[in-house]
């Protein structure tokens, strides 16, 4: 048992080292990307409002309204504290080297994203260390947690929400309360889900749908369970999203319906990405083609889905919330009309956990076969 724990710890440490090295390399080498040209100028506008105490303007600000402002405010806070000057954005071009005056802003904000991505790898390793190793090298996860995108922060809160939700289920069984959930960690999970939604809506949608079967599966103490989970989620979501404060219901509806309308917009329709595009991404390491020499390997895509399929039954038995997250996430990606590559980060952590369980399953089968052969060879011959 001690040997297994040492091996797991060593694997987790290797995953963290690999994640740090790979993201540090990507932060320095990746050229400016499309969405960075949207979020970074907005971060400066938010920084100006915060520095001037113009809170009314901040709440009324409608630019990029479809996404909550939490991550952009984090970028703004970092730029404000560091005093990083704003570059001439007309000199920054997608896919071209970062101009020298713009290097500080990209480095500062990308490292905020990168640290969140590294923490995601570490937390995934607490569930399965091999899964963390896969996530550390996954080219999509590396790319979109090494750029000033919105993905890394809500992705981290999503993992934390799942771990707290698991603790709520496990804690109730350990204490013998006879209740389906321990309410304190369940409330924490709800609060973390609120932060997830304040980062980017689809992450909260997928995690909320993954939690739903477990919440609906218990009739006892249902009122207390729902109150303990939903009230902190709603409170934290609204408090962490100042864009909602003037008119919470109206602005939330406008923001959510924008996503629905955008998923059917001319831009999305014109891109003509097929329904199976997420599956294509999951089996093709296209970032290694977009950015030559940045990523250590694209080989994780060769094994991720097959190993996840093998490990799904074991994940369902041992960590069922992660198994449901993987399935719900894949279904969401296939059904949702917007098929951009960064959406894969909704489902990569649970898929990596399932794949890690797949490695454990194959190892157990191989060990069982070897033991049977050894036992057969030790039987005395009959003469």
Foldseek 3Di string as FASTA:
>chain_A
DVVVVVVLVVLLVVLLVLLVVLLVLLLQAAADADCLLQLLVVLCVLLVCVVVVVLVCVLQDCRVLLAFCLLSPVLNVQCNVVVQDDDDSVVRDHPDHGPPSCSVSSNRLLVVLSVLLSVLLNLLSVLPSQLSNLSSQALLSSNQSRGNDLQSQLLSLLSVLLVLQVCQQVVCVVVVVPDRGNLPSLLVSLLSLLSSCSSGNVLSVLLVVLCVVSLVVDPPPNVSSCCSRNVNSVVNNPVSGSNCVVPNVVSVVVSVVVLVDVLVDPVLVVVVDALCLQVVCLQDSCVCVSRPPSGPDNCSSVQLVVLLVQQLVVCCVPPVSLSSSQVSLVVCQSPRSRNDSSSCSSRSSSSSSSSSSSVVVVVVVVVVVVVVVVVVVPDDDDD
